[in-house]
Amino acid sequence: MDLSTAAAVEKKGSVHHDTHAQPPEFIQRQHWKYQSMRRADLENDTNVQDLSNWETFTKEKRNIWRLAGAIPGEQVQAACEAYAGGKPLDTTVEDVPFFEHRDFPGLQVVPALLPPETQVLFTSCLMHRDLADPGHKMNLQADYDVPYPPKSSSPTSHRFESSFFLRERAAEEDILAPKIPDKHKQLNTEQALYTKLRWLTLGEQYDWPTRSYAKHATPFPADLSTLVTGLFPHIRPESGVVLMYGAKDFMPVHRDVSEQCQRALASFSVGCDGIFIMARGEDGGEGDNAPRTVAIRVRSGDVVHLTGQARWAWHAMARTIPSTCPSYLSDWPVGTPNATPEEKKMYKKWKGYMGTKRINVSCRQVWD
């Protein structure tokens, strides 16, 4: 079975869920468990599934996490090279296996799908180019007047000449002034990027207070669309919800039920590891409706593909695991592709930003 075949069983047409429904208590308790667990205990918790080590799984675990197929290496390589504007990858990509959970149909994990150089470019496109575009809504806009960098002369290229990371960390001219001074303090660029930046939306804009989408003029980034459809041809990405996690950040338990269609979702991770949890069933339920949870360690380059029943399931990112960012990304923005000598000099002032961060990008179709 391939991912396109798995997604083909989805029903067509609109779907409606209660966007304000409260999650079951049993997954809330699981979320709190992993959020508060000591790092040493987390590393020894055998209930946390790390699919990058599937070859070491026992027969029993392999019966739960079944090898469901593989994305051909040629397909991955072609998609990543197209994303890079036709630039060849440094290494040849092998077939990438993916795994599906027996008790959570449609929950599929693709470990290490994005090669390291693609992860670096992926991070650079998001955090240099897309973050600097005021058309992409971010959380800071609600409370601050954000002084955006000058518009890039090549907004769709991989020459990142417009970026918040080309600024000094605390220059007076770059201050973010609060819209309500009595409620918020002003922020310098370092405070904004390190401690206050939480999310960015690409394409169709998600409104967090109303938990709904409104059609928006900002196009979904063409290169990211090329990457997503190259890897998952059955997904037509219209919206990307970009979440930025610091060492102590988490995403509470929720369901992705605001879209007006039934289509698969691909969730990309770069940076530090995280603990992703999913649930099915109800409090006090029995049989097929009994409470079930699964905890998965997601690593940089992994993709979680949700389709079928899993598409609408309760889930959460319980925590980020500090100091787990891979070496090829931990110094970012040092290492940004196509940087000039002057840009490299500025990036050194921000060296290590991604060493403390985790970025998750959920790409999805919104409309029928």
Protein backbone atom coordinates (compact mmCIF):
# COMPACT_ATOMS: atom_id res chain seq x y z
CA MET A 1 0.00 0.00 0.00
CA ASP A 2 1.25 3.52 -0.77
CA LEU A 3 0.12 6.77 0.80
CA SER A 4 -1.94 7.77 -2.23
CA THR A 5 -3.85 4.50 -2.05
CA ALA A 6 -4.44 4.95 1.69
CA ALA A 7 -5.80 8.44 1.12
CA ALA A 8 -8.05 7.35 -1.73
CA VAL A 9 -10.47 5.68 0.68
CA GLU A 10 -11.48 9.04 2.11
CA LYS A 11 -15.01 10.18 1.39
CA LYS A 12 -15.48 13.17 -0.84
CA GLY A 13 -17.49 16.21 0.11
CA SER A 14 -17.75 18.59 3.02
CA VAL A 15 -17.38 17.53 6.61
CA HIS A 16 -18.50 19.39 9.71
CA HIS A 17 -17.35 18.91 13.30
CA ASP A 18 -17.85 20.82 16.51
CA THR A 19 -14.78 23.05 16.59
CA HIS A 20 -15.43 23.93 20.25
CA ALA A 21 -15.83 20.37 21.58
CA GLN A 22 -13.81 19.55 24.70
CA PRO A 23 -11.25 16.71 24.54
CA PRO A 24 -11.69 13.57 26.68
CA GLU A 25 -10.07 13.61 30.09
CA PHE A 26 -7.94 10.53 29.41
CA ILE A 27 -5.88 12.24 26.69
CA GLN A 28 -5.61 15.40 28.81
CA ARG A 29 -4.02 13.26 31.52
CA GLN A 30 -1.65 11.68 28.98
CA HIS A 31 -0.71 15.10 27.70
CA TRP A 32 0.11 16.31 31.22
CA LYS A 33 2.08 13.14 31.91
CA TYR A 34 4.52 13.74 29.06
CA GLN A 35 4.57 17.48 29.47
CA SER A 36 5.73 17.18 33.08
CA MET A 37 7.88 14.04 32.83
CA ARG A 38 11.56 14.33 33.70
CA ARG A 39 13.91 14.02 30.73
CA ALA A 40 15.59 10.88 32.11
CA ASP A 41 12.22 9.19 32.64
CA LEU A 42 11.12 10.20 29.16
CA GLU A 43 14.18 8.61 27.57
CA ASN A 44 13.39 5.34 29.37
CA ASP A 45 9.65 5.30 28.69
CA THR A 46 9.00 2.27 26.50
CA ASN A 47 5.55 3.60 25.63
CA VAL A 48 7.10 6.38 23.54
CA GLN A 49 7.42 5.03 20.02
CA ASP A 50 10.47 6.09 17.97
CA LEU A 51 9.85 4.91 14.40
CA SER A 52 13.41 5.78 13.38
CA ASN A 53 14.36 2.64 15.33
CA TRP A 54 11.67 0.38 13.85
CA GLU A 55 14.25 -2.25 12.89
CA THR A 56 14.93 -2.83 16.59
CA PHE A 57 11.23 -3.28 17.45
CA THR A 58 10.13 -6.60 18.89
CA LYS A 59 7.77 -8.83 16.90
CA GLU A 60 4.92 -7.65 19.12
CA LYS A 61 5.70 -3.98 18.46
CA ARG A 62 6.02 -4.63 14.73
CA ASN A 63 2.56 -6.11 14.77
CA ILE A 64 1.30 -2.83 16.24
CA TRP A 65 3.42 -0.56 14.04
CA ARG A 66 3.17 -2.22 10.65
CA LEU A 67 5.39 -1.46 7.71
CA ALA A 68 2.75 -0.04 5.36
CA GLY A 69 4.88 0.79 2.32
CA ALA A 70 7.64 3.07 1.10
CA ILE A 71 7.99 6.28 -0.87
CA PRO A 72 10.41 5.59 -3.73
CA GLY A 73 13.79 7.26 -3.37
CA GLU A 74 13.53 8.61 -6.92
CA GLN A 75 10.27 10.34 -6.01
CA VAL A 76 11.73 11.88 -2.83
CA GLN A 77 14.84 13.03 -4.68
CA ALA A 78 12.83 14.56 -7.53
CA ALA A 79 10.53 16.40 -5.11
CA CYS A 80 13.41 17.79 -3.05
CA GLU A 81 15.37 18.87 -6.12
CA ALA A 82 12.28 20.56 -7.60
CA TYR A 83 11.81 22.35 -4.26
CA ALA A 84 15.39 23.60 -4.52
CA GLY A 85 14.74 25.01 -7.98
CA GLY A 86 16.33 22.10 -9.80
CA LYS A 87 19.55 22.02 -7.76
CA PRO A 88 20.75 18.39 -7.40
CA LEU A 89 20.95 16.88 -3.93
CA ASP A 90 24.39 16.08 -2.60
CA THR A 91 23.46 12.46 -1.94
CA THR A 92 21.25 9.82 -3.53
CA VAL A 93 18.04 9.15 -1.62
CA GLU A 94 17.00 5.60 -0.80
CA ASP A 95 13.38 4.43 -0.59
CA VAL A 96 11.76 5.82 2.57
CA PRO A 97 9.52 3.37 4.48
CA PHE A 98 6.42 4.51 6.33
CA PHE A 99 4.52 2.87 9.18
CA GLU A 100 0.88 2.74 10.25
CA HIS A 101 -0.49 2.06 13.71
CA ARG A 102 -2.78 -0.97 13.95
CA ASP A 103 -5.17 0.67 16.40
CA PHE A 104 -5.15 4.11 14.74
CA PRO A 105 -6.05 3.59 11.07
CA GLY A 106 -4.72 6.46 9.01
CA LEU A 107 -1.97 7.44 11.47
CA GLN A 108 1.17 7.03 9.36
CA VAL A 109 4.72 8.09 10.23
CA VAL A 110 7.41 8.64 7.60
CA PRO A 111 10.74 8.88 9.48
CA ALA A 112 13.57 10.97 7.99
CA LEU A 113 11.66 11.82 4.81
CA LEU A 114 13.38 15.16 4.25
CA PRO A 115 17.15 14.93 3.61
CA PRO A 116 19.35 17.22 5.75
CA GLU A 117 19.97 19.81 3.02
CA THR A 118 16.24 19.98 2.29
CA GLN A 119 15.58 20.58 6.00
CA VAL A 120 18.01 23.52 5.94
CA LEU A 121 16.34 25.02 2.87
CA PHE A 122 12.88 24.31 4.34
CA THR A 123 13.80 26.19 7.53
CA SER A 124 15.34 29.06 5.56
CA CYS A 125 12.30 29.54 3.33
CA LEU A 126 9.98 29.65 6.34
CA MET A 127 12.03 31.71 8.75
CA HIS A 128 13.66 34.15 6.32
CA ARG A 129 11.30 34.65 3.40
CA ASP A 130 7.82 33.66 4.59
CA LEU A 131 8.10 35.16 8.08
CA ALA A 132 9.20 38.47 6.53
CA ASP A 133 6.10 38.63 4.32
CA PRO A 134 3.40 40.66 6.15
CA GLY A 135 0.75 38.88 4.07
CA HIS A 136 1.38 35.75 6.12
CA LYS A 137 -0.38 36.24 9.43
CA MET A 138 1.67 35.64 12.59
CA ASN A 139 0.73 35.85 16.25
CA LEU A 140 2.74 39.04 16.90
CA GLN A 141 0.56 41.09 14.56
CA ALA A 142 -2.38 41.04 16.98
CA ASP A 143 -0.58 42.87 19.78
CA TYR A 144 2.32 44.71 18.12
CA ASP A 145 3.09 47.03 15.25
CA VAL A 146 5.65 44.91 13.45
CA PRO A 147 8.33 46.79 11.45
CA TYR A 148 8.80 44.36 8.57
CA PRO A 149 12.04 44.16 6.56
CA PRO A 150 12.02 45.72 3.08
CA LYS A 151 10.22 43.60 0.52
CA SER A 152 12.47 41.20 -1.34
CA SER A 153 13.11 41.90 -5.02
CA SER A 154 12.80 38.15 -5.63
CA PRO A 155 9.99 37.02 -3.28
CA THR A 156 9.75 33.51 -4.72
CA SER A 157 13.47 32.77 -4.98
CA HIS A 158 15.91 31.18 -2.55
CA ARG A 159 17.96 34.33 -2.26
CA PHE A 160 16.89 35.43 1.21
CA GLU A 161 17.65 39.13 0.99
CA SER A 162 14.71 40.05 3.23
CA SER A 163 14.78 38.58 6.74
CA PHE A 164 14.37 39.49 10.40
CA PHE A 165 17.65 37.62 10.93
CA LEU A 166 19.54 40.26 8.93
CA ARG A 167 18.92 42.68 11.80
CA GLU A 168 20.80 43.35 15.00
CA ARG A 169 19.34 41.60 18.02
CA ALA A 170 18.34 44.78 19.87
CA ALA A 171 18.48 47.77 17.51
CA GLU A 172 16.24 50.67 18.57
CA GLU A 173 14.90 51.19 15.04
CA ASP A 174 13.57 47.63 14.92
CA ILE A 175 11.51 47.79 18.12
CA LEU A 176 8.05 46.20 18.03
CA ALA A 177 5.74 48.72 19.67
CA PRO A 178 2.70 47.36 21.54
CA LYS A 179 -0.71 48.39 20.25
CA ILE A 180 -1.90 48.69 23.86
CA PRO A 181 1.09 49.97 25.88
CA ASP A 182 -0.61 49.38 29.22
CA LYS A 183 -1.04 45.70 28.36
CA HIS A 184 2.25 44.78 26.66
CA LYS A 185 5.86 45.90 26.80
CA GLN A 186 7.81 46.74 23.67
CA LEU A 187 9.99 44.02 22.18
CA ASN A 188 13.34 44.07 20.46
CA THR A 189 13.99 41.63 17.61
CA GLU A 190 15.66 39.05 19.85
CA GLN A 191 12.75 39.00 22.30
CA ALA A 192 10.25 38.73 19.46
CA LEU A 193 11.97 35.85 17.67
CA TYR A 194 13.17 33.87 20.67
CA THR A 195 10.35 34.21 23.19
CA LYS A 196 7.19 35.62 21.60
CA LEU A 197 6.95 34.16 18.10
CA ARG A 198 4.51 31.24 18.18
CA TRP A 199 2.89 30.72 14.78
CA LEU A 200 2.70 31.75 11.16
CA THR A 201 0.05 30.84 8.59
CA LEU A 202 0.69 30.32 4.89
CA GLY A 203 -1.93 30.47 2.15
CA GLU A 204 -5.51 30.25 3.45
CA GLN A 205 -5.37 32.02 6.79
CA TYR A 206 -6.52 30.22 9.92
CA ASP A 207 -8.25 32.42 12.48
CA TRP A 208 -7.39 31.08 15.92
CA PRO A 209 -10.12 32.88 17.94
CA THR A 210 -12.94 31.61 15.71
CA ARG A 211 -11.19 28.33 14.79
CA SER A 212 -12.10 28.79 11.15
CA TYR A 213 -10.62 29.62 7.75
CA ALA A 214 -11.43 32.65 5.65
CA LYS A 215 -10.34 32.82 2.03
CA HIS A 216 -7.34 35.09 1.80
CA ALA A 217 -5.39 36.67 -1.02
CA THR A 218 -2.00 35.37 0.15
CA PRO A 219 -0.98 32.45 -2.10
CA PHE A 220 0.45 29.26 -0.66
CA PRO A 221 4.23 29.29 -1.37
CA ALA A 222 4.74 27.72 -4.79
CA ASP A 223 7.97 25.92 -3.89
CA LEU A 224 6.45 24.38 -0.74
CA SER A 225 3.44 23.28 -2.78
CA THR A 226 5.83 21.61 -5.23
CA LEU A 227 7.53 19.76 -2.37
CA VAL A 228 4.26 18.62 -0.75
CA THR A 229 2.63 17.40 -3.96
CA GLY A 230 5.88 15.81 -5.09
CA LEU A 231 5.96 13.70 -1.93
CA PHE A 232 2.20 13.30 -1.49
CA PRO A 233 0.50 13.66 -4.88
CA HIS A 234 -2.96 13.25 -3.34
CA ILE A 235 -2.59 16.43 -1.23
CA ARG A 236 -3.37 19.84 -2.73
CA PRO A 237 -1.95 22.20 -0.11
CA GLU A 238 -3.96 25.38 0.39
CA SER A 239 -2.94 26.25 3.95
CA GLY A 240 0.13 25.73 6.07
CA VAL A 241 -0.02 26.22 9.84
CA VAL A 242 3.55 26.85 11.02
CA LEU A 243 4.13 26.35 14.76
CA MET A 244 7.36 27.47 16.44
CA TYR A 245 8.23 25.74 19.71
CA GLY A 246 10.80 26.73 22.30
CA ALA A 247 12.23 24.43 24.94
CA LYS A 248 9.16 24.65 27.20
CA ASP A 249 6.45 25.08 24.59
CA PHE A 250 3.68 22.64 23.74
CA MET A 251 0.45 22.40 21.73
CA PRO A 252 -2.65 21.52 23.79
CA VAL A 253 -5.01 18.71 22.90
CA HIS A 254 -7.16 19.58 19.88
CA ARG A 255 -8.65 18.29 16.63
CA ASP A 256 -8.06 19.68 13.13
CA VAL A 257 -11.72 19.98 12.17
CA SER A 258 -12.07 23.43 10.63
CA GLU A 259 -11.41 22.41 7.03
CA GLN A 260 -14.40 22.11 4.72
CA CYS A 261 -13.22 18.94 3.01
CA GLN A 262 -12.05 15.42 3.83
CA ARG A 263 -8.48 15.22 2.65
CA ALA A 264 -5.19 13.94 4.05
CA LEU A 265 -2.80 16.18 5.98
CA ALA A 266 1.02 16.11 5.99
CA SER A 267 2.78 17.47 9.07
CA PHE A 268 6.52 18.23 8.64
CA SER A 269 8.96 18.59 11.55
CA VAL A 270 12.39 20.25 11.66
CA GLY A 271 14.64 21.11 14.59
CA CYS A 272 14.44 19.55 18.05
CA ASP A 273 12.54 16.34 18.75
CA GLY A 274 8.99 16.43 20.06
CA ILE A 275 6.47 14.07 21.68
CA PHE A 276 3.31 13.77 19.60
CA ILE A 277 0.30 12.05 21.15
CA MET A 278 -3.00 10.90 19.62
CA ALA A 279 -6.16 9.45 21.12
CA ARG A 280 -9.33 7.63 20.12
CA GLY A 281 -12.33 6.48 22.12
CA GLU A 282 -14.17 8.14 24.97
CA ASP A 283 -13.87 8.41 28.74
CA GLY A 284 -15.37 5.23 30.17
CA GLY A 285 -15.92 3.75 26.71
CA GLU A 286 -15.77 0.02 26.01
CA GLY A 287 -14.81 -2.18 23.09
CA ASP A 288 -13.92 -0.19 19.98
CA ASN A 289 -14.82 2.97 21.88
CA ALA A 290 -12.42 2.26 24.77
CA PRO A 291 -9.83 4.97 25.52
CA ARG A 292 -6.59 4.49 23.56
CA THR A 293 -3.54 6.74 23.26
CA VAL A 294 -0.23 6.55 21.45
CA ALA A 295 2.91 8.63 22.03
CA ILE A 296 5.41 9.12 19.20
CA ARG A 297 8.83 10.74 19.21
CA VAL A 298 9.10 12.85 16.07
CA ARG A 299 12.51 13.91 14.83
CA SER A 300 13.83 16.51 12.41
CA GLY A 301 12.88 15.50 8.86
CA ASP A 302 9.98 13.25 9.94
CA VAL A 303 6.50 13.62 8.49
CA VAL A 304 3.26 12.52 10.14
CA HIS A 305 0.64 11.74 7.50
CA LEU A 306 -2.96 11.72 8.72
CA THR A 307 -5.82 10.30 6.71
CA GLY A 308 -9.08 8.42 7.25
CA GLN A 309 -10.19 8.15 10.88
CA ALA A 310 -6.93 9.62 12.20
CA ARG A 311 -7.51 12.85 10.28
CA TRP A 312 -10.11 14.00 12.81
CA ALA A 313 -8.63 12.46 15.97
CA TRP A 314 -7.67 14.26 19.17
CA HIS A 315 -3.93 14.93 19.26
CA ALA A 316 -1.31 17.20 20.81
CA MET A 317 2.38 18.05 20.84
CA ALA A 318 3.06 17.39 24.51
CA ARG A 319 6.57 18.80 24.61
CA THR A 320 9.77 19.69 22.82
CA ILE A 321 12.97 17.89 23.84
CA PRO A 322 15.81 20.44 24.13
CA SER A 323 19.31 19.83 22.76
CA THR A 324 18.13 17.31 20.16
CA CYS A 325 18.38 19.45 17.03
CA PRO A 326 20.66 17.68 14.51
CA SER A 327 24.11 19.20 13.98
CA TYR A 328 23.46 20.24 10.37
CA LEU A 329 20.61 22.50 11.53
CA SER A 330 21.54 23.51 15.08
CA ASP A 331 23.68 26.52 14.05
CA TRP A 332 21.03 27.95 11.72
CA PRO A 333 20.77 30.69 10.39
CA VAL A 334 24.46 30.00 9.90
CA GLY A 335 24.45 27.74 6.85
CA THR A 336 21.60 29.52 5.07
CA PRO A 337 21.84 28.66 1.34
CA ASN A 338 23.03 31.31 -1.14
CA ALA A 339 24.02 33.83 1.55
CA THR A 340 26.41 36.65 0.61
CA PRO A 341 29.51 37.32 2.77
CA GLU A 342 27.73 40.25 4.44
CA GLU A 343 24.66 38.11 5.15
CA LYS A 344 26.82 35.34 6.59
CA LYS A 345 28.35 37.91 8.94
CA MET A 346 24.90 38.96 10.16
CA TYR A 347 23.73 35.36 10.55
CA LYS A 348 26.63 34.63 12.89
CA LYS A 349 25.03 37.03 15.37
CA TRP A 350 22.04 34.65 15.49
CA LYS A 351 24.05 31.44 15.44
CA GLY A 352 22.32 28.58 17.23
CA TYR A 353 18.73 29.83 16.90
CA MET A 354 17.42 26.48 15.66
CA GLY A 355 19.41 24.65 18.31
CA THR A 356 16.70 25.69 20.76
CA LYS A 357 13.68 25.42 18.47
CA ARG A 358 11.28 23.00 16.87
CA ILE A 359 9.19 23.94 13.82
CA ASN A 360 6.13 22.02 12.70
CA VAL A 361 4.31 22.75 9.42
CA SER A 362 0.93 21.13 8.77
CA CYS A 363 0.03 21.35 5.08
CA ARG A 364 -3.59 20.72 4.16
CA GLN A 365 -6.39 21.27 1.70
CA VAL A 366 -9.14 23.49 3.12
CA TRP A 367 -11.87 23.66 0.51
CA ASP A 368 -13.63 21.09 -1.69
